[in-house]
All heavy atoms as atom14 arrays in JSON, in Angstrom:
{
  "sequence": "VFKTIGMKGWLGCLISLFILFIVLGAVFWIG",
  "atom14_mask": [
    [1, 1, 1, 1, 1, 1, 1, 0, 0, 0, 0, 0, 0, 0],
    [1, 1, 1, 1, 1, 1, 1, 1, 1, 1, 1, 0, 0, 0],
    [1, 1, 1, 1, 1, 1, 1, 1, 1, 0, 0, 0, 0, 0],
    [1, 1, 1, 1, 1, 1, 1, 0, 0, 0, 0, 0, 0, 0],
    [1, 1, 1, 1, 1, 1, 1, 1, 0, 0, 0, 0, 0, 0],
    [1, 1, 1, 1, 0, 0, 0, 0, 0, 0, 0, 0, 0, 0],
    [1, 1, 1, 1, 1, 1, 1, 1, 0, 0, 0, 0, 0, 0],
    [1, 1, 1, 1, 1, 1, 1, 1, 1, 0, 0, 0, 0, 0],
    [1, 1, 1, 1, 0, 0, 0, 0, 0, 0, 0, 0, 0, 0],
    [1, 1, 1, 1, 1, 1, 1, 1, 1, 1, 1, 1, 1, 1],
    [1, 1, 1, 1, 1, 1, 1, 1, 0, 0, 0, 0, 0, 0],
    [1, 1, 1, 1, 0, 0, 0, 0, 0, 0, 0, 0, 0, 0],
    [1, 1, 1, 1, 1, 1, 0, 0, 0, 0, 0, 0, 0, 0],
    [1, 1, 1, 1, 1, 1, 1, 1, 0, 0, 0, 0, 0, 0],
    [1, 1, 1, 1, 1, 1, 1, 1, 0, 0, 0, 0, 0, 0],
    [1, 1, 1, 1, 1, 1, 0, 0, 0, 0, 0, 0, 0, 0],
    [1, 1, 1, 1, 1, 1, 1, 1, 0, 0, 0, 0, 0, 0],
    [1, 1, 1, 1, 1, 1, 1, 1, 1, 1, 1, 0, 0, 0],
    [1, 1, 1, 1, 1, 1, 1, 1, 0, 0, 0, 0, 0, 0],
    [1, 1, 1, 1, 1, 1, 1, 1, 0, 0, 0, 0, 0, 0],
    [1, 1, 1, 1, 1, 1, 1, 1, 1, 1, 1, 0, 0, 0],
    [1, 1, 1, 1, 1, 1, 1, 1, 0, 0, 0, 0, 0, 0],
    [1, 1, 1, 1, 1, 1, 1, 0, 0, 0, 0, 0, 0, 0],
    [1, 1, 1, 1, 1, 1, 1, 1, 0, 0, 0, 0, 0, 0],
    [1, 1, 1, 1, 0, 0, 0, 0, 0, 0, 0, 0, 0, 0],
    [1, 1, 1, 1, 1, 0, 0, 0, 0, 0, 0, 0, 0, 0],
    [1, 1, 1, 1, 1, 1, 1, 0, 0, 0, 0, 0, 0, 0],
    [1, 1, 1, 1, 1, 1, 1, 1, 1, 1, 1, 0, 0, 0],
    [1, 1, 1, 1, 1, 1, 1, 1, 1, 1, 1, 1, 1, 1],
    [1, 1, 1, 1, 1, 1, 1, 1, 0, 0, 0, 0, 0, 0],
    [1, 1, 1, 1, 0, 0, 0, 0, 0, 0, 0, 0, 0, 0]
  ],
  "atom14_positions": [
    [[0.83, -1.2, 0.0], [0.0, 0.0, 0.0], [0.87, 1.25, 0.0], [0.56, 2.24, -0.65], [-0.93, 0.0, 1.24], [-1.69, 1.3, 1.35], [-1.88, -1.18, 1.17], [0.0, 0.0, 0.0], [0.0, 0.0, 0.0], [0.0, 0.0, 0.0], [0.0, 0.0, 0.0], [0.0, 0.0, 0.0], [0.0, 0.0, 0.0], [0.0, 0.0, 0.0]],
    [[1.99, 1.2, 0.71], [2.85, 2.37, 0.8], [3.44, 2.74, -0.55], [3.6, 3.91, -0.85], [3.96, 2.13, 1.83], [3.43, 1.78, 3.18], [3.69, 0.55, 3.75], [2.63, 2.67, 3.87], [3.17, 0.23, 4.99], [2.1, 2.36, 5.11], [2.38, 1.14, 5.67], [0.0, 0.0, 0.0], [0.0, 0.0, 0.0], [0.0, 0.0, 0.0]],
    [[3.77, 1.74, -1.38], [4.29, 2.04, -2.71], [3.19, 2.6, -3.59], [3.42, 3.45, -4.43], [4.88, 0.79, -3.35], [6.2, 0.39, -2.75], [6.77, -0.82, -3.45], [8.08, -1.25, -2.81], [8.6, -2.45, -3.43], [0.0, 0.0, 0.0], [0.0, 0.0, 0.0], [0.0, 0.0, 0.0], [0.0, 0.0, 0.0], [0.0, 0.0, 0.0]],
    [[1.95, 2.12, -3.41], [0.83, 2.58, -4.21], [0.58, 4.06, -3.98], [0.31, 4.8, -4.91], [-0.44, 1.78, -3.87], [-0.18, 0.4, -4.12], [-1.61, 2.24, -4.71], [0.0, 0.0, 0.0], [0.0, 0.0, 0.0], [0.0, 0.0, 0.0], [0.0, 0.0, 0.0], [0.0, 0.0, 0.0], [0.0, 0.0, 0.0], [0.0, 0.0, 0.0]],
    [[0.67, 4.52, -2.72], [0.4, 5.92, -2.44], [1.67, 6.77, -2.5], [1.63, 7.94, -2.17], [-0.32, 6.1, -1.09], [0.48, 5.53, 0.07], [-1.71, 5.52, -1.15], [-0.13, 5.75, 1.43], [0.0, 0.0, 0.0], [0.0, 0.0, 0.0], [0.0, 0.0, 0.0], [0.0, 0.0, 0.0], [0.0, 0.0, 0.0], [0.0, 0.0, 0.0]],
    [[2.77, 6.19, -2.89], [3.99, 6.94, -3.12], [4.9, 7.08, -1.92], [5.82, 7.86, -1.93], [0.0, 0.0, 0.0], [0.0, 0.0, 0.0], [0.0, 0.0, 0.0], [0.0, 0.0, 0.0], [0.0, 0.0, 0.0], [0.0, 0.0, 0.0], [0.0, 0.0, 0.0], [0.0, 0.0, 0.0], [0.0, 0.0, 0.0], [0.0, 0.0, 0.0]],
    [[4.62, 6.36, -0.85], [5.48, 6.42, 0.33], [6.43, 5.24, 0.31], [6.04, 4.13, 0.01], [4.64, 6.38, 1.6], [3.76, 7.57, 1.78], [2.95, 7.46, 3.35], [1.78, 8.76, 3.2], [0.0, 0.0, 0.0], [0.0, 0.0, 0.0], [0.0, 0.0, 0.0], [0.0, 0.0, 0.0], [0.0, 0.0, 0.0], [0.0, 0.0, 0.0]],
    [[7.66, 5.5, 0.71], [8.66, 4.45, 0.66], [9.22, 4.19, 2.05], [9.42, 5.11, 2.82], [9.8, 4.83, -0.27], [9.4, 4.94, -1.69], [10.6, 5.29, -2.53], [10.18, 5.46, -3.96], [11.27, 5.87, -4.8], [0.0, 0.0, 0.0], [0.0, 0.0, 0.0], [0.0, 0.0, 0.0], [0.0, 0.0, 0.0], [0.0, 0.0, 0.0]],
    [[9.49, 2.94, 2.33], [10.25, 2.54, 3.49], [9.61, 2.85, 4.82], [8.4, 3.0, 4.95], [0.0, 0.0, 0.0], [0.0, 0.0, 0.0], [0.0, 0.0, 0.0], [0.0, 0.0, 0.0], [0.0, 0.0, 0.0], [0.0, 0.0, 0.0], [0.0, 0.0, 0.0], [0.0, 0.0, 0.0], [0.0, 0.0, 0.0], [0.0, 0.0, 0.0]],
    [[10.46, 3.0, 5.82], [10.0, 3.18, 7.18], [9.33, 4.52, 7.39], [8.44, 4.65, 8.23], [11.16, 3.0, 8.16], [12.24, 4.04, 8.02], [13.33, 3.98, 7.23], [12.27, 5.31, 8.69], [14.06, 5.13, 7.35], [13.43, 5.97, 8.25], [11.45, 5.93, 9.6], [13.77, 7.24, 8.7], [11.8, 7.21, 10.05], [12.95, 7.83, 9.6]],
    [[9.72, 5.55, 6.65], [9.1, 6.87, 6.82], [7.63, 6.83, 6.42], [6.77, 7.35, 7.13], [9.86, 7.92, 6.01], [9.32, 9.35, 6.13], [9.4, 9.82, 7.58], [10.12, 10.29, 5.24], [0.0, 0.0, 0.0], [0.0, 0.0, 0.0], [0.0, 0.0, 0.0], [0.0, 0.0, 0.0], [0.0, 0.0, 0.0], [0.0, 0.0, 0.0]],
    [[7.33, 6.19, 5.3], [5.94, 6.06, 4.87], [5.12, 5.27, 5.87], [3.98, 5.61, 6.18], [0.0, 0.0, 0.0], [0.0, 0.0, 0.0], [0.0, 0.0, 0.0], [0.0, 0.0, 0.0], [0.0, 0.0, 0.0], [0.0, 0.0, 0.0], [0.0, 0.0, 0.0], [0.0, 0.0, 0.0], [0.0, 0.0, 0.0], [0.0, 0.0, 0.0]],
    [[5.72, 4.21, 6.39], [5.04, 3.39, 7.39], [4.79, 4.2, 8.66], [3.71, 4.15, 9.24], [5.89, 2.16, 7.69], [5.1, 0.98, 8.79], [0.0, 0.0, 0.0], [0.0, 0.0, 0.0], [0.0, 0.0, 0.0], [0.0, 0.0, 0.0], [0.0, 0.0, 0.0], [0.0, 0.0, 0.0], [0.0, 0.0, 0.0], [0.0, 0.0, 0.0]],
    [[5.77, 4.96, 9.09], [5.65, 5.78, 10.29], [4.58, 6.84, 10.14], [3.74, 7.04, 11.04], [7.01, 6.42, 10.62], [7.11, 7.17, 11.93], [6.92, 6.21, 13.09], [8.47, 7.85, 12.03], [0.0, 0.0, 0.0], [0.0, 0.0, 0.0], [0.0, 0.0, 0.0], [0.0, 0.0, 0.0], [0.0, 0.0, 0.0], [0.0, 0.0, 0.0]],
    [[4.55, 7.51, 9.0], [3.53, 8.53, 8.74], [2.15, 7.9, 8.71], [1.19, 8.44, 9.28], [3.84, 9.27, 7.42], [5.09, 10.14, 7.59], [2.66, 10.14, 7.0], [5.62, 10.73, 6.31], [0.0, 0.0, 0.0], [0.0, 0.0, 0.0], [0.0, 0.0, 0.0], [0.0, 0.0, 0.0], [0.0, 0.0, 0.0], [0.0, 0.0, 0.0]],
    [[2.02, 6.75, 8.08], [0.73, 6.07, 8.01], [0.25, 5.65, 9.4], [-0.93, 5.79, 9.72], [0.82, 4.85, 7.11], [1.14, 5.24, 5.8], [0.0, 0.0, 0.0], [0.0, 0.0, 0.0], [0.0, 0.0, 0.0], [0.0, 0.0, 0.0], [0.0, 0.0, 0.0], [0.0, 0.0, 0.0], [0.0, 0.0, 0.0], [0.0, 0.0, 0.0]],
    [[1.16, 5.12, 10.2], [0.78, 4.73, 11.57], [0.38, 5.95, 12.4], [-0.58, 5.89, 13.18], [1.93, 3.97, 12.24], [2.16, 2.56, 11.74], [3.42, 1.97, 12.37], [0.96, 1.68, 12.02], [0.0, 0.0, 0.0], [0.0, 0.0, 0.0], [0.0, 0.0, 0.0], [0.0, 0.0, 0.0], [0.0, 0.0, 0.0], [0.0, 0.0, 0.0]],
    [[1.08, 7.05, 12.23], [0.73, 8.28, 12.95], [-0.67, 8.73, 12.58], [-1.48, 9.07, 13.45], [1.77, 9.37, 12.63], [1.5, 10.67, 13.32], [1.72, 10.82, 14.67], [1.01, 11.76, 12.6], [1.46, 12.02, 15.31], [0.75, 12.96, 13.22], [0.97, 13.09, 14.58], [0.0, 0.0, 0.0], [0.0, 0.0, 0.0], [0.0, 0.0, 0.0]],
    [[-0.98, 8.74, 11.3], [-2.32, 9.13, 10.84], [-3.38, 8.16, 11.38], [-4.44, 8.59, 11.83], [-2.36, 9.2, 9.29], [-1.51, 10.37, 8.82], [-3.78, 9.34, 8.78], [-1.27, 10.41, 7.32], [0.0, 0.0, 0.0], [0.0, 0.0, 0.0], [0.0, 0.0, 0.0], [0.0, 0.0, 0.0], [0.0, 0.0, 0.0], [0.0, 0.0, 0.0]],
    [[-3.07, 6.88, 11.38], [-3.99, 5.88, 11.92], [-4.27, 6.13, 13.39], [-5.42, 6.1, 13.83], [-3.42, 4.48, 11.71], [-4.26, 3.33, 12.28], [-5.54, 3.18, 11.48], [-3.46, 2.05, 12.26], [0.0, 0.0, 0.0], [0.0, 0.0, 0.0], [0.0, 0.0, 0.0], [0.0, 0.0, 0.0], [0.0, 0.0, 0.0], [0.0, 0.0, 0.0]],
    [[-3.23, 6.42, 14.18], [-3.43, 6.69, 15.61], [-4.24, 7.97, 15.83], [-5.06, 8.04, 16.74], [-2.09, 6.77, 16.34], [-1.48, 5.42, 16.58], [-0.16, 5.18, 16.21], [-2.19, 4.38, 17.14], [0.42, 3.94, 16.42], [-1.62, 3.13, 17.35], [-0.32, 2.92, 17.0], [0.0, 0.0, 0.0], [0.0, 0.0, 0.0], [0.0, 0.0, 0.0]],
    [[-4.02, 8.98, 15.03], [-4.79, 10.22, 15.14], [-6.27, 9.94, 14.88], [-7.15, 10.38, 15.64], [-4.27, 11.29, 14.14], [-2.85, 11.68, 14.45], [-5.19, 12.49, 14.08], [-2.67, 12.73, 15.5], [0.0, 0.0, 0.0], [0.0, 0.0, 0.0], [0.0, 0.0, 0.0], [0.0, 0.0, 0.0], [0.0, 0.0, 0.0], [0.0, 0.0, 0.0]],
    [[-6.56, 9.21, 13.82], [-7.95, 8.9, 13.47], [-8.6, 8.04, 14.55], [-9.72, 8.33, 15.0], [-8.02, 8.21, 12.08], [-9.4, 7.64, 11.81], [-7.62, 9.18, 10.99], [0.0, 0.0, 0.0], [0.0, 0.0, 0.0], [0.0, 0.0, 0.0], [0.0, 0.0, 0.0], [0.0, 0.0, 0.0], [0.0, 0.0, 0.0], [0.0, 0.0, 0.0]],
    [[-7.91, 7.0, 15.0], [-8.47, 6.15, 16.05], [-8.66, 6.92, 17.35], [-9.67, 6.74, 18.05], [-7.56, 4.93, 16.29], [-7.6, 3.86, 15.21], [-6.59, 2.76, 15.52], [-8.98, 3.27, 15.06], [0.0, 0.0, 0.0], [0.0, 0.0, 0.0], [0.0, 0.0, 0.0], [0.0, 0.0, 0.0], [0.0, 0.0, 0.0], [0.0, 0.0, 0.0]],
    [[-7.72, 7.79, 17.7], [-7.86, 8.62, 18.89], [-9.08, 9.51, 18.81], [-9.83, 9.66, 19.78], [0.0, 0.0, 0.0], [0.0, 0.0, 0.0], [0.0, 0.0, 0.0], [0.0, 0.0, 0.0], [0.0, 0.0, 0.0], [0.0, 0.0, 0.0], [0.0, 0.0, 0.0], [0.0, 0.0, 0.0], [0.0, 0.0, 0.0], [0.0, 0.0, 0.0]],
    [[-9.3, 10.12, 17.65], [-10.47, 10.98, 17.47], [-11.76, 10.18, 17.6], [-12.73, 10.63, 18.23], [-10.4, 11.68, 16.11], [0.0, 0.0, 0.0], [0.0, 0.0, 0.0], [0.0, 0.0, 0.0], [0.0, 0.0, 0.0], [0.0, 0.0, 0.0], [0.0, 0.0, 0.0], [0.0, 0.0, 0.0], [0.0, 0.0, 0.0], [0.0, 0.0, 0.0]],
    [[-11.79, 8.98, 17.03], [-13.0, 8.14, 17.12], [-13.27, 7.76, 18.57], [-14.41, 7.86, 19.05], [-12.83, 6.88, 16.23], [-13.9, 5.85, 16.54], [-12.86, 7.26, 14.76], [0.0, 0.0, 0.0], [0.0, 0.0, 0.0], [0.0, 0.0, 0.0], [0.0, 0.0, 0.0], [0.0, 0.0, 0.0], [0.0, 0.0, 0.0], [0.0, 0.0, 0.0]],
    [[-12.25, 7.35, 19.31], [-12.44, 6.98, 20.71], [-12.82, 8.2, 21.56], [-13.62, 8.09, 22.48], [-11.19, 6.29, 21.27], [-11.07, 4.87, 20.81], [-9.93, 4.45, 20.12], [-12.07, 3.94, 21.05], [-9.82, 3.14, 19.69], [-11.96, 2.63, 20.62], [-10.83, 2.23, 19.94], [0.0, 0.0, 0.0], [0.0, 0.0, 0.0], [0.0, 0.0, 0.0]],
    [[-12.25, 9.35, 21.28], [-12.58, 10.56, 22.02], [-14.05, 10.94, 21.82], [-14.75, 11.25, 22.78], [-11.65, 11.69, 21.56], [-11.86, 12.98, 22.29], [-11.53, 13.27, 23.57], [-12.44, 14.16, 21.75], [-11.87, 14.56, 23.87], [-12.44, 15.13, 22.76], [-12.97, 14.49, 20.5], [-12.95, 16.4, 22.56], [-13.46, 15.76, 20.32], [-13.45, 16.7, 21.34]],
    [[-14.5, 10.9, 20.57], [-15.91, 11.2, 20.27], [-16.81, 10.16, 20.93], [-17.87, 10.5, 21.49], [-16.13, 11.27, 18.74], [-15.43, 12.51, 18.19], [-17.61, 11.29, 18.4], [-15.37, 12.56, 16.67], [0.0, 0.0, 0.0], [0.0, 0.0, 0.0], [0.0, 0.0, 0.0], [0.0, 0.0, 0.0], [0.0, 0.0, 0.0], [0.0, 0.0, 0.0]],
    [[-16.4, 8.9, 20.91], [-17.18, 7.85, 21.56], [-17.25, 8.06, 23.06], [-18.31, 7.84, 23.68], [0.0, 0.0, 0.0], [0.0, 0.0, 0.0], [0.0, 0.0, 0.0], [0.0, 0.0, 0.0], [0.0, 0.0, 0.0], [0.0, 0.0, 0.0], [0.0, 0.0, 0.0], [0.0, 0.0, 0.0], [0.0, 0.0, 0.0], [0.0, 0.0, 0.0]]
  ]
}
């Protein structure tokens, strides 16, 4: 998936995980 969206290596993975945690945090906070 990271290659598909143009992200490479550990940096792309790290950015994706950060975004995932932000989204999940917002969902749990609203809940």
